[in-house]
Amino acid sequence: MKLAIAALLAGSAVAFSPSAQKASSSALKMGFESELGVVPPTGFFDPLGLLKNADQERFDRLRSVEIKHGRVCQLAFLGYLTTWSGVRLPGSLGDVPMADIPAGHAAVFKVPPFGLLQILLLCAVLELGFWKQAEGSFPGDFSASPLPVGWFADYSEEQKYDLRGKELNQGRAAMMGILGLMVHEQLNGKPFIFWG
């Protein structure tokens, strides 16, 4: 559990990073203070120095990872909330009925190894085969995927930029939210402070 929390913290560190970018004469060194996601009161936040002397390609890679982690954490938070409220899918995982799988962290130990393997295989198939970054587009734009993803309405460029910023910030909140749920569950068995 400690390893999972440490990995989650390390993966979300890019989301919150201020470090002063020194002016440079090199064309490869860029300042990212005006990029999407730089919001008050923190501004540009890079406490680990992951973007020190970074170029645009490195920034785009880290931003893509941040968006992906944010999307996964949004789904994880909703899944945590759904299972904790008692909702289960019908059927079974091998010889274990879905109704017998507990909510929260305990589910990891109740799901049979074959079920965990199925989850990992699905993640690998989506990652390697379906989620394709659109060439030359912003990080996280998977419109080159064979799956129907992308904009479902005719938005202006300004609206798209605004929605991308909202998704980025909601993903950051979800990363902190799922971390908080996992920590609270480990501390007292109650991840939600409003359910007793």
C-alpha atoms as a PDB file:
ATOM      1  CA  MET A   1       0.000   0.000   0.000  1.00  0.00           C
ATOM      2  CA  LYS A   2       2.829   2.378   0.838  1.00  0.00           C
ATOM      3  CA  LEU A   3       4.379   1.652  -2.553  1.00  0.00           C
ATOM      4  CA  ALA A   4       1.084   2.384  -4.312  1.00  0.00           C
ATOM      5  CA  ILE A   5       0.730   5.685  -2.478  1.00  0.00           C
ATOM      6  CA  ALA A   6       4.339   6.627  -3.240  1.00  0.00           C
ATOM      7  CA  ALA A   7       3.858   5.761  -6.922  1.00  0.00           C
ATOM      8  CA  LEU A   8       0.662   7.811  -7.082  1.00  0.00           C
ATOM      9  CA  LEU A   9       2.380  10.787  -5.482  1.00  0.00           C
ATOM     10  CA  ALA A  10       5.360  10.529  -7.818  1.00  0.00           C
ATOM     11  CA  GLY A  11       3.083  10.209 -10.850  1.00  0.00           C
ATOM     12  CA  SER A  12       1.097  13.287  -9.949  1.00  0.00           C
ATOM     13  CA  ALA A  13       4.097  15.456  -9.009  1.00  0.00           C
ATOM     14  CA  VAL A  14       4.148  17.101 -12.440  1.00  0.00           C
ATOM     15  CA  ALA A  15       0.669  18.463 -11.807  1.00  0.00           C
ATOM     16  CA  PHE A  16       1.905  20.734  -9.087  1.00  0.00           C
ATOM     17  CA  SER A  17       5.332  22.123  -9.787  1.00  0.00           C
ATOM     18  CA  PRO A  18       6.889  25.956  -9.144  1.00  0.00           C
ATOM     19  CA  SER A  19      10.453  26.381  -9.994  1.00  0.00           C
ATOM     20  CA  ALA A  20      11.917  29.482 -11.464  1.00  0.00           C
ATOM     21  CA  GLN A  21      12.975  28.925 -15.044  1.00  0.00           C
ATOM     22  CA  LYS A  22      16.249  30.650 -15.710  1.00  0.00           C
ATOM     23  CA  ALA A  23      16.583  32.583 -18.913  1.00  0.00           C
ATOM     24  CA  SER A  24      18.704  30.745 -21.405  1.00  0.00           C
ATOM     25  CA  SER A  25      20.280  31.449 -24.723  1.00  0.00           C
ATOM     26  CA  SER A  26      19.594  27.943 -25.955  1.00  0.00           C
ATOM     27  CA  ALA A  27      16.597  27.539 -28.232  1.00  0.00           C
ATOM     28  CA  LEU A  28      15.935  24.094 -26.729  1.00  0.00           C
ATOM     29  CA  LYS A  29      15.371  25.425 -23.214  1.00  0.00           C
ATOM     30  CA  MET A  30      11.874  26.789 -22.890  1.00  0.00           C
ATOM     31  CA  GLY A  31       9.798  28.423 -20.178  1.00  0.00           C
ATOM     32  CA  PHE A  32       6.467  26.763 -19.518  1.00  0.00           C
ATOM     33  CA  GLU A  33       4.954  29.517 -17.368  1.00  0.00           C
ATOM     34  CA  SER A  34       2.287  30.300 -19.975  1.00  0.00           C
ATOM     35  CA  GLU A  35       1.225  26.704 -20.691  1.00  0.00           C
ATOM     36  CA  LEU A  36      -2.291  25.402 -20.120  1.00  0.00           C
ATOM     37  CA  GLY A  37      -2.715  24.357 -16.493  1.00  0.00           C
ATOM     38  CA  VAL A  38      -0.584  27.090 -14.946  1.00  0.00           C
ATOM     39  CA  VAL A  39      -3.112  28.534 -12.510  1.00  0.00           C
ATOM     40  CA  PRO A  40      -3.041  30.788  -9.467  1.00  0.00           C
ATOM     41  CA  PRO A  41      -2.126  30.661  -6.656  1.00  0.00           C
ATOM     42  CA  THR A  42       0.697  28.201  -7.408  1.00  0.00           C
ATOM     43  CA  GLY A  43       1.493  29.299 -10.944  1.00  0.00           C
ATOM     44  CA  PHE A  44       4.075  27.098 -12.610  1.00  0.00           C
ATOM     45  CA  PHE A  45       4.845  24.383 -10.042  1.00  0.00           C
ATOM     46  CA  ASP A  46       7.792  21.997 -10.524  1.00  0.00           C
ATOM     47  CA  PRO A  47       9.257  21.176  -7.079  1.00  0.00           C
ATOM     48  CA  LEU A  48      11.103  18.086  -8.336  1.00  0.00           C
ATOM     49  CA  GLY A  49      12.730  19.962 -11.203  1.00  0.00           C
ATOM     50  CA  LEU A  50      11.408  17.521 -13.808  1.00  0.00           C
ATOM     51  CA  LEU A  51      11.239  20.309 -16.367  1.00  0.00           C
ATOM     52  CA  LYS A  52      14.599  21.875 -15.624  1.00  0.00           C
ATOM     53  CA  ASN A  53      16.341  22.334 -18.983  1.00  0.00           C
ATOM     54  CA  ALA A  54      13.468  20.480 -20.670  1.00  0.00           C
ATOM     55  CA  ASP A  55      12.363  21.019 -24.245  1.00  0.00           C
ATOM     56  CA  GLN A  56       8.787  21.095 -25.559  1.00  0.00           C
ATOM     57  CA  GLU A  57       8.848  17.372 -26.374  1.00  0.00           C
ATOM     58  CA  ARG A  58       9.690  16.492 -22.743  1.00  0.00           C
ATOM     59  CA  PHE A  59       6.993  18.853 -21.469  1.00  0.00           C
ATOM     60  CA  ASP A  60       4.405  17.347 -23.830  1.00  0.00           C
ATOM     61  CA  ARG A  61       5.333  13.826 -22.705  1.00  0.00           C
ATOM     62  CA  LEU A  62       4.942  14.724 -19.025  1.00  0.00           C
ATOM     63  CA  ARG A  63       1.695  16.587 -19.719  1.00  0.00           C
ATOM     64  CA  SER A  64       0.354  13.566 -21.603  1.00  0.00           C
ATOM     65  CA  VAL A  65       1.201  11.340 -18.633  1.00  0.00           C
ATOM     66  CA  GLU A  66      -0.422  13.827 -16.244  1.00  0.00           C
ATOM     67  CA  ILE A  67      -3.628  13.863 -18.299  1.00  0.00           C
ATOM     68  CA  LYS A  68      -3.683  10.076 -18.519  1.00  0.00           C
ATOM     69  CA  HIS A  69      -3.198   9.711 -14.745  1.00  0.00           C
ATOM     70  CA  GLY A  70      -5.919  12.289 -14.187  1.00  0.00           C
ATOM     71  CA  ARG A  71      -8.350  10.390 -16.401  1.00  0.00           C
ATOM     72  CA  VAL A  72      -7.575   7.085 -14.686  1.00  0.00           C
ATOM     73  CA  CYS A  73      -7.979   8.680 -11.246  1.00  0.00           C
ATOM     74  CA  GLN A  74     -11.335  10.201 -12.212  1.00  0.00           C
ATOM     75  CA  LEU A  75     -12.543   6.706 -13.120  1.00  0.00           C
ATOM     76  CA  ALA A  76     -10.939   5.232  -9.983  1.00  0.00           C
ATOM     77  CA  PHE A  77     -12.663   7.771  -7.735  1.00  0.00           C
ATOM     78  CA  LEU A  78     -16.046   7.046  -9.327  1.00  0.00           C
ATOM     79  CA  GLY A  79     -15.429   3.301  -9.096  1.00  0.00           C
ATOM     80  CA  TYR A  80     -14.465   3.613  -5.439  1.00  0.00           C
ATOM     81  CA  LEU A  81     -17.615   5.620  -4.714  1.00  0.00           C
ATOM     82  CA  THR A  82     -19.834   3.238  -6.697  1.00  0.00           C
ATOM     83  CA  THR A  83     -18.577   0.028  -5.101  1.00  0.00           C
ATOM     84  CA  TRP A  84     -18.527   1.553  -1.622  1.00  0.00           C
ATOM     85  CA  SER A  85     -22.231   2.430  -2.061  1.00  0.00           C
ATOM     86  CA  GLY A  86     -22.967  -1.249  -2.769  1.00  0.00           C
ATOM     87  CA  VAL A  87     -23.319  -1.350  -6.555  1.00  0.00           C
ATOM     88  CA  ARG A  88     -21.878  -4.499  -8.138  1.00  0.00           C
ATOM     89  CA  LEU A  89     -21.833  -5.865 -11.667  1.00  0.00           C
ATOM     90  CA  PRO A  90     -23.674  -9.135 -12.234  1.00  0.00           C
ATOM     91  CA  GLY A  91     -21.742 -12.331 -12.782  1.00  0.00           C
ATOM     92  CA  SER A  92     -18.522 -13.648 -11.343  1.00  0.00           C
ATOM     93  CA  LEU A  93     -14.772 -13.602 -11.728  1.00  0.00           C
ATOM     94  CA  GLY A  94     -14.005 -17.289 -12.021  1.00  0.00           C
ATOM     95  CA  ASP A  95     -15.517 -18.888  -8.927  1.00  0.00           C
ATOM     96  CA  VAL A  96     -15.879 -15.599  -7.008  1.00  0.00           C
ATOM     97  CA  PRO A  97     -19.256 -13.862  -7.445  1.00  0.00           C
ATOM     98  CA  MET A  98     -18.976 -10.104  -8.039  1.00  0.00           C
ATOM     99  CA  ALA A  99     -21.349  -9.558  -5.109  1.00  0.00           C
ATOM    100  CA  ASP A 100     -18.737 -11.126  -2.769  1.00  0.00           C
ATOM    101  CA  ILE A 101     -15.951  -8.727  -3.789  1.00  0.00           C
ATOM    102  CA  PRO A 102     -15.652  -6.010  -1.137  1.00  0.00           C
ATOM    103  CA  ALA A 103     -15.284  -2.322  -1.799  1.00  0.00           C
ATOM    104  CA  GLY A 104     -12.059  -0.368  -1.546  1.00  0.00           C
ATOM    105  CA  HIS A 105      -8.572  -1.697  -0.995  1.00  0.00           C
ATOM    106  CA  ALA A 106      -9.775  -5.126   0.194  1.00  0.00           C
ATOM    107  CA  ALA A 107     -11.037  -5.881  -3.325  1.00  0.00           C
ATOM    108  CA  VAL A 108      -7.455  -6.239  -4.581  1.00  0.00           C
ATOM    109  CA  PHE A 109      -6.966  -9.277  -2.331  1.00  0.00           C
ATOM    110  CA  LYS A 110     -10.363 -10.824  -3.075  1.00  0.00           C
ATOM    111  CA  VAL A 111     -10.194 -10.689  -6.884  1.00  0.00           C
ATOM    112  CA  PRO A 112      -8.698 -13.956  -8.174  1.00  0.00           C
ATOM    113  CA  PRO A 113      -5.335 -13.779  -9.966  1.00  0.00           C
ATOM    114  CA  PHE A 114      -7.011 -14.474 -13.322  1.00  0.00           C
ATOM    115  CA  GLY A 115      -9.302 -11.469 -12.768  1.00  0.00           C
ATOM    116  CA  LEU A 116      -6.319  -9.218 -12.035  1.00  0.00           C
ATOM    117  CA  LEU A 117      -4.614 -10.563 -15.159  1.00  0.00           C
ATOM    118  CA  GLN A 118      -7.703  -9.669 -17.210  1.00  0.00           C
ATOM    119  CA  ILE A 119      -7.594  -6.109 -15.868  1.00  0.00           C
ATOM    120  CA  LEU A 120      -3.896  -5.777 -16.704  1.00  0.00           C
ATOM    121  CA  LEU A 121      -4.426  -7.213 -20.195  1.00  0.00           C
ATOM    122  CA  LEU A 122      -7.280  -4.793 -20.864  1.00  0.00           C
ATOM    123  CA  CYS A 123      -5.050  -1.888 -19.784  1.00  0.00           C
ATOM    124  CA  ALA A 124      -2.246  -3.135 -22.047  1.00  0.00           C
ATOM    125  CA  VAL A 125      -4.563  -3.537 -25.051  1.00  0.00           C
ATOM    126  CA  LEU A 126      -6.000  -0.043 -24.586  1.00  0.00           C
ATOM    127  CA  GLU A 127      -2.573   1.495 -24.038  1.00  0.00           C
ATOM    128  CA  LEU A 128      -0.784  -0.232 -26.907  1.00  0.00           C
ATOM    129  CA  GLY A 129      -3.552  -0.699 -29.422  1.00  0.00           C
ATOM    130  CA  PHE A 130      -6.364   1.775 -29.044  1.00  0.00           C
ATOM    131  CA  TRP A 131      -5.306   5.070 -27.460  1.00  0.00           C
ATOM    132  CA  LYS A 132      -3.419   6.799 -30.255  1.00  0.00           C
ATOM    133  CA  GLN A 133      -2.144  10.356 -29.833  1.00  0.00           C
ATOM    134  CA  ALA A 134      -3.123  12.565 -32.767  1.00  0.00           C
ATOM    135  CA  GLU A 135       0.073  13.607 -34.556  1.00  0.00           C
ATOM    136  CA  GLY A 136       0.908  17.276 -34.079  1.00  0.00           C
ATOM    137  CA  SER A 137      -1.970  17.866 -31.661  1.00  0.00           C
ATOM    138  CA  PHE A 138      -2.023  18.764 -27.974  1.00  0.00           C
ATOM    139  CA  PRO A 139      -1.063  16.125 -25.352  1.00  0.00           C
ATOM    140  CA  GLY A 140      -3.952  13.813 -24.510  1.00  0.00           C
ATOM    141  CA  ASP A 141      -5.717  14.183 -27.872  1.00  0.00           C
ATOM    142  CA  PHE A 142      -6.542  10.580 -28.753  1.00  0.00           C
ATOM    143  CA  SER A 143      -8.655  11.448 -31.790  1.00  0.00           C
ATOM    144  CA  ALA A 144      -6.360   9.249 -33.917  1.00  0.00           C
ATOM    145  CA  SER A 145      -7.757   6.227 -32.024  1.00  0.00           C
ATOM    146  CA  PRO A 146     -10.065   3.710 -33.663  1.00  0.00           C
ATOM    147  CA  LEU A 147     -12.430   4.313 -30.727  1.00  0.00           C
ATOM    148  CA  PRO A 148     -14.892   7.227 -30.833  1.00  0.00           C
ATOM    149  CA  VAL A 149     -13.095   9.742 -28.628  1.00  0.00           C
ATOM    150  CA  GLY A 150     -12.619  13.457 -28.965  1.00  0.00           C
ATOM    151  CA  TRP A 151     -14.982  16.386 -29.253  1.00  0.00           C
ATOM    152  CA  PHE A 152     -18.637  15.385 -29.509  1.00  0.00           C
ATOM    153  CA  ALA A 153     -19.841  18.888 -30.286  1.00  0.00           C
ATOM    154  CA  ASP A 154     -18.762  21.712 -32.543  1.00  0.00           C
ATOM    155  CA  TYR A 155     -16.771  23.839 -30.088  1.00  0.00           C
ATOM    156  CA  SER A 156     -14.755  26.916 -30.926  1.00  0.00           C
ATOM    157  CA  GLU A 157     -10.992  26.815 -30.321  1.00  0.00           C
ATOM    158  CA  GLU A 158     -11.457  29.021 -27.244  1.00  0.00           C
ATOM    159  CA  GLN A 159     -14.061  26.635 -25.808  1.00  0.00           C
ATOM    160  CA  LYS A 160     -11.816  23.634 -26.490  1.00  0.00           C
ATOM    161  CA  TYR A 161      -8.912  25.337 -24.705  1.00  0.00           C
ATOM    162  CA  ASP A 162     -11.162  26.097 -21.730  1.00  0.00           C
ATOM    163  CA  LEU A 163     -12.443  22.490 -21.595  1.00  0.00           C
ATOM    164  CA  ARG A 164      -8.899  21.128 -21.776  1.00  0.00           C
ATOM    165  CA  GLY A 165      -7.924  23.306 -18.798  1.00  0.00           C
ATOM    166  CA  LYS A 166     -10.946  22.098 -16.840  1.00  0.00           C
ATOM    167  CA  GLU A 167     -10.121  18.465 -17.595  1.00  0.00           C
ATOM    168  CA  LEU A 168      -6.532  18.998 -16.464  1.00  0.00           C
ATOM    169  CA  ASN A 169      -7.593  20.569 -13.162  1.00  0.00           C
ATOM    170  CA  GLN A 170     -10.304  17.967 -12.542  1.00  0.00           C
ATOM    171  CA  GLY A 171      -7.730  15.248 -13.149  1.00  0.00           C
ATOM    172  CA  ARG A 172      -5.410  16.866 -10.618  1.00  0.00           C
ATOM    173  CA  ALA A 173      -8.244  16.977  -8.086  1.00  0.00           C
ATOM    174  CA  ALA A 174      -9.074  13.321  -8.802  1.00  0.00           C
ATOM    175  CA  MET A 175      -5.439  12.297  -8.222  1.00  0.00           C
ATOM    176  CA  MET A 176      -5.548  13.921  -4.798  1.00  0.00           C
ATOM    177  CA  GLY A 177      -9.063  12.584  -4.177  1.00  0.00           C
ATOM    178  CA  ILE A 178      -8.261   8.933  -4.799  1.00  0.00           C
ATOM    179  CA  LEU A 179      -5.090   9.279  -2.746  1.00  0.00           C
ATOM    180  CA  GLY A 180      -7.151  10.733   0.101  1.00  0.00           C
ATOM    181  CA  LEU A 181      -9.663   7.878  -0.106  1.00  0.00           C
ATOM    182  CA  MET A 182      -6.932   5.249   0.021  1.00  0.00           C
ATOM    183  CA  VAL A 183      -5.178   6.928   2.961  1.00  0.00           C
ATOM    184  CA  HIS A 184      -8.408   7.390   4.945  1.00  0.00           C
ATOM    185  CA  GLU A 185      -9.412   3.781   4.340  1.00  0.00           C
ATOM    186  CA  GLN A 186      -6.048   2.568   5.650  1.00  0.00           C
ATOM    187  CA  LEU A 187      -6.206   4.868   8.698  1.00  0.00           C
ATOM    188  CA  ASN A 188      -9.663   3.996  10.018  1.00  0.00           C
ATOM    189  CA  GLY A 189     -11.460   1.841   7.451  1.00  0.00           C
ATOM    190  CA  LYS A 190     -13.681   4.747   6.374  1.00  0.00           C
ATOM    191  CA  PRO A 191     -12.541   6.409   3.144  1.00  0.00           C
ATOM    192  CA  PHE A 192     -15.466   8.820   3.023  1.00  0.00           C
ATOM    193  CA  ILE A 193     -15.688  11.265   5.882  1.00  0.00           C
ATOM    194  CA  PHE A 194     -19.428  11.756   5.296  1.00  0.00           C
ATOM    195  CA  TRP A 195     -20.406   8.061   5.494  1.00  0.00           C
ATOM    196  CA  GLY A 196     -20.051   6.564   8.871  1.00  0.00           C
END
